[in-house]
Protein backbone atom coordinates (compact mmCIF):
# COMPACT_ATOMS: atom_id res chain seq x y z
CA MET A 1 109.36 92.76 98.81
CA ARG A 2 111.16 94.20 95.84
CA ALA A 3 110.36 97.81 94.88
CA LEU A 4 108.54 98.36 91.62
CA VAL A 5 110.37 101.63 91.00
CA PRO A 6 113.36 100.22 89.03
CA LEU A 7 111.02 98.65 86.49
CA LEU A 8 108.30 101.26 86.27
CA VAL A 9 108.16 104.98 85.68
CA LEU A 10 107.12 106.79 88.86
CA GLY A 11 104.16 108.83 89.03
CA ALA A 12 98.74 108.22 92.04
CA VAL A 13 95.08 107.86 93.35
CA GLN A 14 92.49 109.42 95.48
CA CYS A 15 91.43 107.00 98.12
CA GLY A 16 88.08 107.08 99.93
CA THR A 17 86.40 103.80 100.54
CA PRO A 18 82.91 103.91 99.10
CA PRO A 19 80.43 101.10 99.62
CA VAL A 20 80.77 98.44 96.97
CA PRO A 21 77.97 98.54 94.42
CA THR A 22 75.76 95.49 94.08
CA GLU A 23 76.34 95.57 90.31
CA HIS A 24 79.57 93.72 89.70
CA HIS A 25 80.05 93.98 85.95
CA GLY A 26 76.86 95.07 84.37
CA GLN A 27 76.20 91.49 83.37
CA SER A 28 73.42 89.64 85.15
CA ASP A 29 74.44 88.04 88.42
CA ARG A 30 74.41 84.51 87.10
CA GLU A 31 76.50 82.14 89.17
CA GLN A 32 79.93 81.03 88.02
CA THR A 33 79.76 77.26 87.62
CA GLU A 34 83.57 76.95 87.55
CA GLN A 35 83.28 74.50 84.59
CA GLY A 36 85.58 72.12 86.37
CA ILE A 37 88.20 74.82 86.82
CA GLY A 38 90.86 73.66 89.24
CA HIS A 39 89.79 70.03 88.83
CA THR A 40 91.36 69.17 85.50
CA ASP A 41 94.57 67.16 85.67
CA SER A 42 95.70 67.90 82.11
CA VAL A 43 96.59 71.52 82.83
CA SER A 44 99.14 73.17 85.10
CA HIS A 45 97.87 74.45 88.43
CA LEU A 46 99.40 77.72 89.59
CA ARG A 47 98.91 80.19 92.40
CA ALA A 48 99.60 83.90 92.72
CA ASP A 49 102.68 84.54 94.88
CA VAL A 50 102.68 88.18 96.04
CA VAL A 51 105.87 90.15 95.42
CA GLN A 52 104.63 93.64 96.21
CA VAL A 53 101.44 95.39 97.30
CA LEU A 54 100.67 98.71 95.60
CA PRO A 55 97.88 101.29 95.99
CA HIS A 56 94.70 101.16 93.94
CA ASP A 57 91.73 103.52 93.91
CA PRO A 58 88.91 101.62 95.69
CA SER A 59 86.31 103.64 93.82
CA ALA A 60 87.58 102.21 90.49
CA PHE A 61 85.18 99.66 89.00
CA THR A 62 88.02 98.03 87.08
CA GLN A 63 87.22 96.60 83.65
CA GLY A 64 90.56 96.73 81.83
CA LEU A 65 94.18 96.95 83.00
CA GLU A 66 97.45 97.23 81.06
CA LEU A 67 100.98 98.32 81.86
CA HIS A 68 102.88 100.07 79.07
CA ARG A 69 106.32 101.63 79.44
CA GLY A 70 105.86 102.12 83.17
CA THR A 71 102.40 103.68 82.99
CA LEU A 72 99.34 101.76 84.08
CA TYR A 73 96.28 102.21 81.88
CA GLU A 74 92.96 101.40 83.53
CA GLY A 75 89.45 101.38 82.12
CA THR A 76 86.51 101.45 84.52
CA GLY A 77 82.83 100.71 84.10
CA LYS A 78 79.30 101.70 85.12
CA ARG A 79 77.19 104.16 83.19
CA GLY A 80 77.86 107.73 84.19
CA GLN A 81 81.12 106.71 85.90
CA SER A 82 83.20 105.02 83.20
CA VAL A 83 86.67 106.45 82.64
CA LEU A 84 89.97 105.67 81.00
CA ARG A 85 92.94 106.78 83.04
CA ALA A 86 96.73 106.68 83.00
CA VAL A 87 98.13 105.97 86.46
CA ASP A 88 101.50 105.86 88.19
CA PRO A 89 101.45 102.27 89.51
CA ASN A 90 103.83 102.98 92.38
CA SER A 91 101.90 105.79 94.01
CA GLY A 92 98.46 105.33 92.45
CA ARG A 93 98.46 108.95 91.26
CA VAL A 94 96.20 109.59 88.29
CA LEU A 95 98.25 111.20 85.54
CA ARG A 96 95.49 111.66 82.94
CA GLU A 97 91.83 110.75 82.79
CA VAL A 98 88.94 110.98 80.35
CA ARG A 99 85.30 110.20 81.08
CA LEU A 100 83.02 108.33 78.71
CA PRO A 101 79.62 109.75 77.81
CA ASP A 102 77.09 108.86 80.50
CA GLN A 103 75.24 106.35 78.31
CA LEU A 104 78.37 104.22 77.72
CA PHE A 105 79.54 101.44 80.05
CA GLY A 106 83.32 101.09 79.74
CA GLU A 107 84.95 97.68 79.41
CA GLY A 108 88.32 96.21 78.41
CA ILE A 109 91.23 98.22 77.03
CA THR A 110 94.54 97.59 75.32
CA VAL A 111 97.48 99.67 74.11
CA VAL A 112 98.55 99.40 70.47
CA GLY A 113 101.60 101.57 69.86
CA ASP A 114 100.65 105.19 70.43
CA ARG A 115 96.95 104.41 70.66
CA VAL A 116 94.51 102.75 73.07
CA TRP A 117 91.43 100.73 72.17
CA GLN A 118 88.55 100.81 74.66
CA LEU A 119 85.48 98.56 74.58
CA THR A 120 81.96 99.28 75.74
CA TRP A 121 79.69 96.64 77.22
CA LYS A 122 76.38 96.63 75.34
CA SER A 123 76.68 99.68 73.08
CA GLY A 124 78.65 97.85 70.36
CA LEU A 125 81.25 100.62 70.21
CA ALA A 126 85.03 100.39 70.31
CA ILE A 127 86.75 103.73 70.92
CA LEU A 128 90.23 104.40 69.58
CA ARG A 129 92.20 106.96 71.62
CA ASN A 130 95.52 108.77 71.53
CA ARG A 131 97.73 107.17 74.18
CA THR A 132 99.45 110.44 75.12
CA ASN A 133 96.39 112.51 76.00
CA LEU A 134 93.64 109.82 75.84
CA ALA A 135 91.67 111.96 73.37
CA GLU A 136 89.19 110.10 71.18
CA ILE A 137 90.27 109.51 67.57
CA THR A 138 87.38 107.47 66.21
CA ARG A 139 84.67 104.95 67.06
CA VAL A 140 84.04 101.59 65.41
CA ARG A 141 80.94 99.42 65.72
CA TYR A 142 81.00 95.68 66.52
CA GLU A 143 78.42 92.98 67.09
CA GLY A 144 77.67 91.55 70.54
CA GLU A 145 78.99 92.49 73.95
CA GLY A 146 82.45 93.79 74.78
CA TRP A 147 84.25 92.39 77.86
CA GLY A 148 88.04 91.99 77.64
CA LEU A 149 90.70 93.05 75.12
CA CYS A 150 94.43 92.56 74.58
CA HIS A 151 97.02 92.91 71.82
CA ASP A 152 99.49 90.12 71.07
CA GLY A 153 101.74 92.27 68.90
CA GLU A 154 99.96 91.38 65.67
CA ARG A 155 96.24 91.29 66.38
CA LEU A 156 93.63 92.24 68.94
CA ILE A 157 92.02 89.46 70.96
CA MET A 158 88.58 90.15 72.43
CA SER A 159 86.24 88.36 74.83
CA ASP A 160 82.47 88.77 74.99
CA GLY A 161 81.56 86.81 78.13
CA SER A 162 81.26 83.49 76.31
CA ALA A 163 83.93 80.83 75.69
CA ARG A 164 84.86 82.57 72.42
CA LEU A 165 87.87 84.75 71.70
CA THR A 166 87.59 86.92 68.59
CA PHE A 167 90.67 88.06 66.69
CA ARG A 168 90.53 91.59 65.23
CA ASP A 169 92.65 93.84 63.07
CA PRO A 170 94.42 96.35 65.34
CA GLU A 171 93.93 99.19 62.86
CA THR A 172 90.33 98.71 61.76
CA PHE A 173 88.89 96.47 64.49
CA THR A 174 87.56 94.17 61.75
CA PRO A 175 87.16 90.54 62.92
CA THR A 176 89.68 88.18 61.34
CA GLY A 177 88.88 84.91 63.10
CA GLU A 178 87.89 83.30 66.37
CA VAL A 179 88.58 80.34 68.63
CA THR A 180 86.57 78.54 71.30
CA VAL A 181 88.39 78.20 74.61
CA ARG A 182 88.19 74.72 76.13
CA LEU A 183 89.21 73.32 79.48
CA GLY A 184 89.38 69.55 79.60
CA GLY A 185 87.32 69.40 76.41
CA ASP A 186 84.50 71.61 77.70
CA PRO A 187 83.92 75.24 76.70
CA ALA A 188 85.35 77.64 79.32
CA ALA A 189 82.72 80.36 79.34
CA GLU A 190 82.51 83.77 81.01
CA LEU A 191 85.97 84.88 79.91
CA ASN A 192 86.40 88.44 81.08
CA GLU A 193 89.41 90.80 81.27
CA LEU A 194 92.34 89.65 79.10
CA GLU A 195 96.11 90.05 78.97
CA CYS A 196 98.34 88.93 76.10
CA ALA A 197 101.82 87.92 77.31
CA ALA A 198 104.55 85.55 76.08
CA GLY A 199 102.40 83.97 73.41
CA SER A 200 99.50 83.18 75.73
CA VAL A 201 96.23 84.87 76.62
CA TRP A 202 95.50 85.21 80.32
CA ALA A 203 91.79 85.54 81.09
CA ASN A 204 89.95 86.42 84.27
CA VAL A 205 86.94 84.14 84.73
CA TRP A 206 83.86 86.18 85.64
CA LYS A 207 82.78 85.90 89.29
CA SER A 208 85.70 83.71 90.28
CA GLU A 209 89.20 84.22 91.65
CA ARG A 210 90.77 82.14 88.91
CA ILE A 211 92.69 83.11 85.80
CA LEU A 212 93.13 80.88 82.75
CA ARG A 213 96.23 80.71 80.59
CA ILE A 214 95.09 80.02 77.03
CA ASP A 215 96.87 78.93 73.85
CA PRO A 216 95.26 81.30 71.32
CA ALA A 217 96.09 79.02 68.38
CA SER A 218 94.04 76.09 69.68
CA GLY A 219 91.91 77.64 72.41
CA ARG A 220 93.21 75.05 74.87
CA VAL A 221 93.58 76.10 78.50
CA THR A 222 97.16 75.31 79.49
CA ALA A 223 97.10 76.50 83.11
CA VAL A 224 94.67 77.54 85.83
CA VAL A 225 95.79 80.16 88.36
CA ASP A 226 94.25 80.26 91.83
CA ALA A 227 94.35 83.97 92.74
CA SER A 228 92.26 83.67 95.89
CA GLY A 229 93.34 85.06 99.25
CA LEU A 230 94.87 88.31 97.99
CA LEU A 231 92.47 90.46 100.01
CA ARG A 232 92.10 90.27 103.77
CA PRO A 233 88.64 89.18 104.97
CA GLU A 234 87.67 92.70 106.01
CA GLN A 235 88.72 94.01 102.57
CA ARG A 236 86.95 91.17 100.76
CA ALA A 237 83.63 92.19 102.31
CA ARG A 238 83.82 95.64 100.67
CA ALA A 239 85.35 94.65 97.33
CA GLY A 240 83.99 93.34 94.04
CA VAL A 241 85.30 90.52 91.90
CA LEU A 242 88.86 89.91 90.72
CA ASN A 243 89.13 91.66 87.35
CA GLY A 244 92.39 93.12 86.14
CA ILE A 245 95.62 91.54 84.96
CA ALA A 246 98.60 93.39 83.49
CA ALA A 247 101.96 91.89 82.56
CA VAL A 248 105.01 93.65 83.99
CA GLU A 249 107.28 94.27 81.01
CA GLY A 250 110.62 92.50 81.02
CA THR A 251 109.62 90.09 83.81
CA ASP A 252 107.47 87.02 84.38
CA GLU A 253 105.33 88.99 86.83
CA PHE A 254 101.85 90.49 86.66
CA LEU A 255 99.78 93.14 88.38
CA LEU A 256 96.39 91.92 89.61
CA THR A 257 93.44 93.84 91.00
CA GLY A 258 89.65 93.80 91.04
CA LYS A 259 86.57 95.98 91.06
CA ASN A 260 86.74 98.40 93.99
CA TRP A 261 89.89 96.75 95.35
CA PRO A 262 92.12 98.89 97.60
CA HIS A 263 95.34 97.42 96.21
CA LEU A 264 97.22 96.24 93.16
CA TYR A 265 99.18 93.05 93.74
CA ARG A 266 102.41 92.41 91.89
CA VAL A 267 102.63 88.63 91.66
CA ARG A 268 104.41 85.68 90.15
CA PHE A 269 102.46 82.64 89.04
CA VAL A 270 104.15 79.65 90.69
CA PRO A 271 103.22 75.96 90.95
CA ALA A 272 100.33 75.40 93.35
């Protein structure tokens, strides 16, 4: 397996293995119906081919993940435990960390230049932070729930647990449009953590081990990734759902993890 060091800045995580909480996201434990995912012939079918296994803090209830200039930014959830941290992806060492007020449940994050946007689940607050020290700059209110967030270079793209993606101004967080995501003609609901990469939006599907590649212009799902089997059975029993996807800059690879997972997985998406 190729070392991550040449591509990423070096820098780490405390590891204890706490019991996995029964609360997986904060959302109700409704079952994922799969909406025909993996059974639609009009889209590409991919799988996650592991290139490298990296450390991840198993106490992290991962809600947002993004790699920027060699530093991994991770937002975690749960009231009283939500943080935003900057991490060295090679060692897992936490470089910087800020905690949200106890009443806020952290959700998706994304880097925009020298700043970071951070969502909250049901509080209707987006927090803008300084990327260098993670200090809060301002808060902006929005309607509905906050789940995933990414930046495509021009606009923010946000999920709220439905089949809708909302486009927002990266400076003001004002909504500028939206699109309904469809797989085989049907709405693809429960879109969770997002990553913008190479003109597509990659979306974790809540309570599944599948990731959708979405054309943001049309909302059409263009590929379905089967990311199952990354954890060993004994790890799976103690871990939460897959939730965390970060593009590795300058490559066609991604980092994947989940809530309370003991590892990050550097992967390529290859034909299934």
